[in-house]
C-alpha atoms as a PDB file:
ATOM      1  CA  MET A   1     -14.151  17.379  16.408  1.00  0.00           C
ATOM      2  CA  SER A   2     -12.779  14.478  14.360  1.00  0.00           C
ATOM      3  CA  ILE A   3     -10.004  15.171  11.835  1.00  0.00           C
ATOM      4  CA  GLY A   4      -9.353  13.337   8.574  1.00  0.00           C
ATOM      5  CA  ILE A   5      -6.424  13.694   6.194  1.00  0.00           C
ATOM      6  CA  ILE A   6      -6.762  12.774   2.542  1.00  0.00           C
ATOM      7  CA  GLY A   7      -3.283  12.174   1.098  1.00  0.00           C
ATOM      8  CA  SER A   8      -0.161  10.792   2.791  1.00  0.00           C
ATOM      9  CA  GLY A   9       2.520  12.391   0.689  1.00  0.00           C
ATOM     10  CA  ASP A  10       4.876  15.090   1.930  1.00  0.00           C
ATOM     11  CA  LEU A  11       2.099  17.406   3.069  1.00  0.00           C
ATOM     12  CA  GLY A  12      -0.321  14.886   4.554  1.00  0.00           C
ATOM     13  CA  SER A  13       2.403  13.003   6.438  1.00  0.00           C
ATOM     14  CA  SER A  14       4.024  16.224   7.707  1.00  0.00           C
ATOM     15  CA  VAL A  15       0.719  17.543   9.084  1.00  0.00           C
ATOM     16  CA  ALA A  16       0.072  14.115  10.634  1.00  0.00           C
ATOM     17  CA  ARG A  17       3.425  14.348  12.421  1.00  0.00           C
ATOM     18  CA  ALA A  18       2.687  17.879  13.643  1.00  0.00           C
ATOM     19  CA  LEU A  19      -0.696  16.819  14.991  1.00  0.00           C
ATOM     20  CA  GLY A  20       0.696  13.610  16.470  1.00  0.00           C
ATOM     21  CA  SER A  21       3.408  15.476  18.359  1.00  0.00           C
ATOM     22  CA  LYS A  22       0.629  17.182  20.314  1.00  0.00           C
ATOM     23  CA  GLY A  23      -1.497  14.069  20.700  1.00  0.00           C
ATOM     24  CA  ILE A  24      -4.209  15.372  18.344  1.00  0.00           C
ATOM     25  CA  ALA A  25      -6.197  12.434  16.962  1.00  0.00           C
ATOM     26  CA  ALA A  26      -6.546  12.099  13.184  1.00  0.00           C
ATOM     27  CA  THR A  27      -7.375   9.521  10.523  1.00  0.00           C
ATOM     28  CA  ILE A  28      -5.054   9.521   7.515  1.00  0.00           C
ATOM     29  CA  SER A  29      -5.752   7.933   4.148  1.00  0.00           C
ATOM     30  CA  ASN A  30      -4.368   7.504   0.630  1.00  0.00           C
ATOM     31  CA  SER A  31      -5.258   5.813  -2.618  1.00  0.00           C
ATOM     32  CA  ARG A  32      -3.198   2.726  -1.745  1.00  0.00           C
ATOM     33  CA  GLY A  33      -5.199   1.755   1.334  1.00  0.00           C
ATOM     34  CA  PRO A  34      -4.650   1.678   5.117  1.00  0.00           C
ATOM     35  CA  ALA A  35      -2.044  -1.104   5.043  1.00  0.00           C
ATOM     36  CA  SER A  36       0.381   1.142   3.150  1.00  0.00           C
ATOM     37  CA  LEU A  37       0.317   3.603   6.080  1.00  0.00           C
ATOM     38  CA  ALA A  38       1.451   1.192   8.794  1.00  0.00           C
ATOM     39  CA  ALA A  39       4.961   2.644   9.040  1.00  0.00           C
ATOM     40  CA  LEU A  40       3.730   6.221   9.324  1.00  0.00           C
ATOM     41  CA  VAL A  41       1.155   5.300  11.973  1.00  0.00           C
ATOM     42  CA  GLU A  42       3.794   3.470  13.988  1.00  0.00           C
ATOM     43  CA  GLU A  43       6.126   6.476  13.731  1.00  0.00           C
ATOM     44  CA  VAL A  44       3.537   9.055  14.744  1.00  0.00           C
ATOM     45  CA  GLY A  45       1.978   7.045  17.555  1.00  0.00           C
ATOM     46  CA  PRO A  46      -1.488   6.131  18.845  1.00  0.00           C
ATOM     47  CA  SER A  47      -3.152   9.452  18.001  1.00  0.00           C
ATOM     48  CA  LEU A  48      -2.921   8.617  14.282  1.00  0.00           C
ATOM     49  CA  VAL A  49      -4.929   5.835  12.650  1.00  0.00           C
ATOM     50  CA  ALA A  50      -5.066   4.722   9.033  1.00  0.00           C
ATOM     51  CA  GLY A  51      -8.376   4.540   7.211  1.00  0.00           C
ATOM     52  CA  THR A  52      -9.895   4.559   3.787  1.00  0.00           C
ATOM     53  CA  VAL A  53     -10.388   7.801   1.873  1.00  0.00           C
ATOM     54  CA  GLN A  54     -14.092   7.530   2.555  1.00  0.00           C
ATOM     55  CA  GLU A  55     -13.483   7.191   6.285  1.00  0.00           C
ATOM     56  CA  ALA A  56     -11.106  10.160   6.435  1.00  0.00           C
ATOM     57  CA  ALA A  57     -13.475  12.210   4.328  1.00  0.00           C
ATOM     58  CA  SER A  58     -16.306  11.545   6.792  1.00  0.00           C
ATOM     59  CA  ALA A  59     -14.565  13.458   9.627  1.00  0.00           C
ATOM     60  CA  ASP A  60     -15.849  16.792  10.897  1.00  0.00           C
ATOM     61  CA  ILE A  61     -12.720  18.520   9.587  1.00  0.00           C
ATOM     62  CA  VAL A  62     -10.942  17.120   6.533  1.00  0.00           C
ATOM     63  CA  LEU A  63      -7.513  18.174   5.195  1.00  0.00           C
ATOM     64  CA  LEU A  64      -7.120  17.808   1.435  1.00  0.00           C
ATOM     65  CA  ALA A  65      -3.406  17.074   0.932  1.00  0.00           C
ATOM     66  CA  VAL A  66      -3.156  15.800  -2.638  1.00  0.00           C
ATOM     67  CA  ARG A  67      -1.564  17.006  -5.865  1.00  0.00           C
ATOM     68  CA  TRP A  68      -3.546  19.682  -7.699  1.00  0.00           C
ATOM     69  CA  VAL A  69      -4.063  17.458 -10.733  1.00  0.00           C
ATOM     70  CA  ASP A  70      -5.702  14.818  -8.520  1.00  0.00           C
ATOM     71  CA  THR A  71      -8.208  17.065  -6.757  1.00  0.00           C
ATOM     72  CA  GLY A  72     -11.104  16.418  -9.101  1.00  0.00           C
ATOM     73  CA  ALA A  73     -10.732  12.631  -8.982  1.00  0.00           C
ATOM     74  CA  VAL A  74     -10.273  12.604  -5.209  1.00  0.00           C
ATOM     75  CA  LEU A  75     -13.173  14.884  -4.330  1.00  0.00           C
ATOM     76  CA  GLY A  76     -15.595  13.187  -6.688  1.00  0.00           C
ATOM     77  CA  GLY A  77     -17.809  10.616  -5.052  1.00  0.00           C
ATOM     78  CA  LEU A  78     -17.032  11.504  -1.425  1.00  0.00           C
ATOM     79  CA  PRO A  79     -19.701  11.646   1.259  1.00  0.00           C
ATOM     80  CA  SER A  80     -21.968  14.720   1.233  1.00  0.00           C
ATOM     81  CA  TRP A  81     -20.236  17.611   3.000  1.00  0.00           C
ATOM     82  CA  ASP A  82     -23.365  19.089   4.618  1.00  0.00           C
ATOM     83  CA  GLY A  83     -21.452  22.083   6.002  1.00  0.00           C
ATOM     84  CA  ARG A  84     -18.469  20.105   7.263  1.00  0.00           C
ATOM     85  CA  ILE A  85     -15.080  21.769   7.053  1.00  0.00           C
ATOM     86  CA  LEU A  86     -12.648  21.107   4.209  1.00  0.00           C
ATOM     87  CA  ILE A  87      -9.135  22.465   4.739  1.00  0.00           C
ATOM     88  CA  ASP A  88      -7.661  23.105   1.307  1.00  0.00           C
ATOM     89  CA  GLY A  89      -3.955  22.395   1.613  1.00  0.00           C
ATOM     90  CA  THR A  90      -3.364  22.210  -2.152  1.00  0.00           C
ATOM     91  CA  ASN A  91      -1.361  24.509  -4.369  1.00  0.00           C
ATOM     92  CA  PRO A  92      -2.239  25.089  -8.047  1.00  0.00           C
ATOM     93  CA  VAL A  93       0.984  23.658  -9.509  1.00  0.00           C
ATOM     94  CA  GLU A  94       1.643  20.823 -11.906  1.00  0.00           C
ATOM     95  CA  PHE A  95       4.781  18.702 -11.809  1.00  0.00           C
ATOM     96  CA  ILE A  96       6.878  18.495 -14.970  1.00  0.00           C
ATOM     97  CA  ASP A  97      10.182  16.866 -16.040  1.00  0.00           C
ATOM     98  CA  PRO A  98      12.906  19.299 -14.884  1.00  0.00           C
ATOM     99  CA  ASP A  99      14.910  18.377 -17.996  1.00  0.00           C
ATOM    100  CA  SER A 100      12.049  19.053 -20.405  1.00  0.00           C
ATOM    101  CA  ALA A 101      11.724  22.029 -22.721  1.00  0.00           C
ATOM    102  CA  GLU A 102       8.694  23.070 -20.665  1.00  0.00           C
ATOM    103  CA  ALA A 103      10.849  23.345 -17.575  1.00  0.00           C
ATOM    104  CA  LYS A 104      13.446  25.416 -19.435  1.00  0.00           C
ATOM    105  CA  ASP A 105      10.884  27.783 -20.977  1.00  0.00           C
ATOM    106  CA  PRO A 106      11.833  31.350 -19.909  1.00  0.00           C
ATOM    107  CA  ASN A 107       8.097  32.080 -19.489  1.00  0.00           C
ATOM    108  CA  ASN A 108       8.026  29.530 -16.666  1.00  0.00           C
ATOM    109  CA  PRO A 109      10.127  31.035 -13.838  1.00  0.00           C
ATOM    110  CA  VAL A 110       9.586  28.035 -11.600  1.00  0.00           C
ATOM    111  CA  GLY A 111      10.478  25.439 -14.214  1.00  0.00           C
ATOM    112  CA  GLN A 112      13.844  24.809 -12.567  1.00  0.00           C
ATOM    113  CA  TYR A 113      11.949  23.323  -9.609  1.00  0.00           C
ATOM    114  CA  GLY A 114      10.101  20.857 -11.832  1.00  0.00           C
ATOM    115  CA  ILE A 115       6.744  22.623 -11.619  1.00  0.00           C
ATOM    116  CA  LYS A 116       4.548  25.048 -13.500  1.00  0.00           C
ATOM    117  CA  ALA A 117       1.527  27.063 -12.467  1.00  0.00           C
ATOM    118  CA  ALA A 118      -1.800  25.386 -13.217  1.00  0.00           C
ATOM    119  CA  THR A 119      -4.083  27.165 -15.677  1.00  0.00           C
ATOM    120  CA  LEU A 120      -6.935  28.736 -13.699  1.00  0.00           C
ATOM    121  CA  ASP A 121      -8.196  31.405 -16.136  1.00  0.00           C
ATOM    122  CA  GLY A 122      -8.518  33.972 -13.349  1.00  0.00           C
ATOM    123  CA  THR A 123     -10.366  31.678 -10.923  1.00  0.00           C
ATOM    124  CA  SER A 124      -8.898  31.438  -7.410  1.00  0.00           C
ATOM    125  CA  PRO A 125      -7.643  27.978  -6.432  1.00  0.00           C
ATOM    126  CA  SER A 126     -10.039  27.590  -3.523  1.00  0.00           C
ATOM    127  CA  ALA A 127     -12.956  28.604  -5.735  1.00  0.00           C
ATOM    128  CA  VAL A 128     -12.104  25.556  -7.827  1.00  0.00           C
ATOM    129  CA  ILE A 129     -12.009  23.369  -4.702  1.00  0.00           C
ATOM    130  CA  SER A 130     -15.284  24.831  -3.436  1.00  0.00           C
ATOM    131  CA  LYS A 131     -16.963  23.900  -6.719  1.00  0.00           C
ATOM    132  CA  LEU A 132     -15.578  20.350  -6.501  1.00  0.00           C
ATOM    133  CA  ALA A 133     -16.843  19.982  -2.911  1.00  0.00           C
ATOM    134  CA  PRO A 134     -20.330  21.553  -2.841  1.00  0.00           C
ATOM    135  CA  GLY A 135     -21.648  22.028   0.652  1.00  0.00           C
ATOM    136  CA  ALA A 136     -18.202  22.143   2.288  1.00  0.00           C
ATOM    137  CA  GLN A 137     -17.005  25.088   4.342  1.00  0.00           C
ATOM    138  CA  VAL A 138     -13.600  25.574   2.732  1.00  0.00           C
ATOM    139  CA  VAL A 139     -10.675  27.038   4.700  1.00  0.00           C
ATOM    140  CA  LYS A 140      -7.273  27.501   3.067  1.00  0.00           C
ATOM    141  CA  ALA A 141      -4.384  26.475   5.340  1.00  0.00           C
ATOM    142  CA  PHE A 142      -1.178  24.365   5.622  1.00  0.00           C
ATOM    143  CA  ASN A 143      -0.177  25.095   2.023  1.00  0.00           C
ATOM    144  CA  HIS A 144       2.263  27.982   2.132  1.00  0.00           C
ATOM    145  CA  LEU A 145       5.151  26.547   4.205  1.00  0.00           C
ATOM    146  CA  ASP A 146       7.901  24.157   3.075  1.00  0.00           C
ATOM    147  CA  VAL A 147       6.392  20.830   4.164  1.00  0.00           C
ATOM    148  CA  ARG A 148       9.733  19.849   5.745  1.00  0.00           C
ATOM    149  CA  VAL A 149       9.247  22.430   8.540  1.00  0.00           C
ATOM    150  CA  LEU A 150       5.622  21.539   9.346  1.00  0.00           C
ATOM    151  CA  PRO A 151       6.520  18.844  11.886  1.00  0.00           C
ATOM    152  CA  GLN A 152       8.411  21.507  13.881  1.00  0.00           C
ATOM    153  CA  PRO A 153       5.868  24.266  14.583  1.00  0.00           C
ATOM    154  CA  GLU A 154       7.899  25.560  17.526  1.00  0.00           C
ATOM    155  CA  VAL A 155      11.425  26.727  16.770  1.00  0.00           C
ATOM    156  CA  ALA A 156      14.036  29.166  18.184  1.00  0.00           C
ATOM    157  CA  GLY A 157      11.838  29.840  21.196  1.00  0.00           C
ATOM    158  CA  GLY A 158       8.898  30.937  19.045  1.00  0.00           C
ATOM    159  CA  ARG A 159       6.101  29.625  16.843  1.00  0.00           C
ATOM    160  CA  ARG A 160       5.987  29.373  13.087  1.00  0.00           C
ATOM    161  CA  VAL A 161       3.302  31.512  11.496  1.00  0.00           C
ATOM    162  CA  LEU A 162       0.628  29.588   9.644  1.00  0.00           C
ATOM    163  CA  PHE A 163      -1.699  31.551   7.375  1.00  0.00           C
ATOM    164  CA  TYR A 164      -5.346  30.631   6.895  1.00  0.00           C
ATOM    165  CA  SER A 165      -8.337  32.137   5.090  1.00  0.00           C
ATOM    166  CA  GLY A 166     -11.974  31.383   4.545  1.00  0.00           C
ATOM    167  CA  ASP A 167     -15.443  32.776   4.119  1.00  0.00           C
ATOM    168  CA  ASP A 168     -17.241  31.163   7.112  1.00  0.00           C
ATOM    169  CA  ALA A 169     -16.291  32.579  10.514  1.00  0.00           C
ATOM    170  CA  GLY A 170     -17.255  29.397  12.407  1.00  0.00           C
ATOM    171  CA  ALA A 171     -15.202  27.158  10.130  1.00  0.00           C
ATOM    172  CA  LYS A 172     -12.234  29.463  10.418  1.00  0.00           C
ATOM    173  CA  ALA A 173     -12.488  29.450  14.189  1.00  0.00           C
ATOM    174  CA  GLU A 174     -12.382  25.642  14.289  1.00  0.00           C
ATOM    175  CA  VAL A 175      -9.349  25.507  11.974  1.00  0.00           C
ATOM    176  CA  ARG A 176      -7.656  28.218  14.022  1.00  0.00           C
ATOM    177  CA  LYS A 177      -8.034  26.039  17.145  1.00  0.00           C
ATOM    178  CA  ILE A 178      -6.277  23.153  15.385  1.00  0.00           C
ATOM    179  CA  ILE A 179      -3.456  25.425  14.209  1.00  0.00           C
ATOM    180  CA  GLU A 180      -2.947  26.827  17.715  1.00  0.00           C
ATOM    181  CA  VAL A 181      -3.080  23.447  19.511  1.00  0.00           C
ATOM    182  CA  ALA A 182      -0.600  22.051  16.963  1.00  0.00           C
ATOM    183  CA  GLY A 183       1.843  24.764  18.090  1.00  0.00           C
ATOM    184  CA  PHE A 184       1.670  27.241  15.227  1.00  0.00           C
ATOM    185  CA  LEU A 185       0.781  30.936  15.360  1.00  0.00           C
ATOM    186  CA  PRO A 186      -2.378  31.331  13.225  1.00  0.00           C
ATOM    187  CA  VAL A 187      -2.679  34.493  11.089  1.00  0.00           C
ATOM    188  CA  ASP A 188      -6.027  35.204   9.416  1.00  0.00           C
ATOM    189  CA  LEU A 189      -5.665  36.480   5.841  1.00  0.00           C
ATOM    190  CA  GLY A 190      -9.378  37.134   5.430  1.00  0.00           C
ATOM    191  CA  ALA A 191     -11.695  35.813   2.765  1.00  0.00           C
ATOM    192  CA  LEU A 192     -10.775  32.931   0.430  1.00  0.00           C
ATOM    193  CA  ASP A 193     -10.540  35.094  -2.696  1.00  0.00           C
ATOM    194  CA  VAL A 194      -8.114  37.449  -0.901  1.00  0.00           C
ATOM    195  CA  GLY A 195      -6.059  35.275   1.433  1.00  0.00           C
ATOM    196  CA  GLY A 196      -6.000  32.154  -0.740  1.00  0.00           C
ATOM    197  CA  PRO A 197      -4.046  33.653  -3.631  1.00  0.00           C
ATOM    198  CA  LEU A 198      -1.709  35.532  -1.228  1.00  0.00           C
ATOM    199  CA  ALA A 199      -0.555  32.292   0.384  1.00  0.00           C
ATOM    200  CA  SER A 200      -0.712  29.953  -2.605  1.00  0.00           C
ATOM    201  CA  MET A 201       2.359  28.695  -4.422  1.00  0.00           C
ATOM    202  CA  PRO A 202       3.967  29.330  -6.781  1.00  0.00           C
ATOM    203  CA  PHE A 203       3.422  33.082  -7.024  1.00  0.00           C
ATOM    204  CA  GLY A 204       1.551  34.168  -3.900  1.00  0.00           C
ATOM    205  CA  ALA A 205       3.275  37.058  -2.164  1.00  0.00           C
ATOM    206  CA  LEU A 206       3.279  35.159   1.149  1.00  0.00           C
ATOM    207  CA  SER A 207       3.974  31.665  -0.186  1.00  0.00           C
ATOM    208  CA  ALA A 208       7.109  29.884   1.015  1.00  0.00           C
ATOM    209  CA  ILE A 209       7.781  32.641   3.580  1.00  0.00           C
ATOM    210  CA  ASN A 210       8.679  31.105   6.909  1.00  0.00           C
ATOM    211  CA  PHE A 211       7.872  33.663   9.623  1.00  0.00           C
ATOM    212  CA  VAL A 212       8.577  32.776  13.260  1.00  0.00           C
ATOM    213  CA  SER A 213       6.928  34.752  16.062  1.00  0.00           C
ATOM    214  CA  ILE A 214       9.272  35.091  19.024  1.00  0.00           C
END
């Protein structure tokens, strides 16, 4: 199955490096165009190619690796999903000025990190993504670890645990294969409305926890 990555920031580039280290082919894209990705493609090697967002979004399995505030704009106008798999790697956080009053608000416990939780009104993050990408089989994955460790799935003689969740068994099985081949230990958290919030930053009970299976 072909793999596309939408977004070349910390998450998208880190996943690209993890896949590239195992020779897994992928097309990566961003809003600035393929030419801006030349250095990353050269670093990762021949398994990674740069494409347009439309090209990456046409793959069988697509990783969404953009900021939460950009999800609506990015997902709008993409090719019809028709049951293709969308890996939701986003986290429902908004970036704020760490020196602002909003960051210093005692009601925002993560303000010191320059972020705040997005307002969801009780809706799970992946439910929002599913609505923005009708027809996609959404699987939540690649969002709970510090992106800096993603290029090193194997460490200390073991494998880093990577959580995933989703509502379609077939889609989850395909994503699990990618996680395993990339070198991680996949752990199924169940349905989207259960596993998604557990592994989502900033307040998910399993977010930012770096388990290693020895």
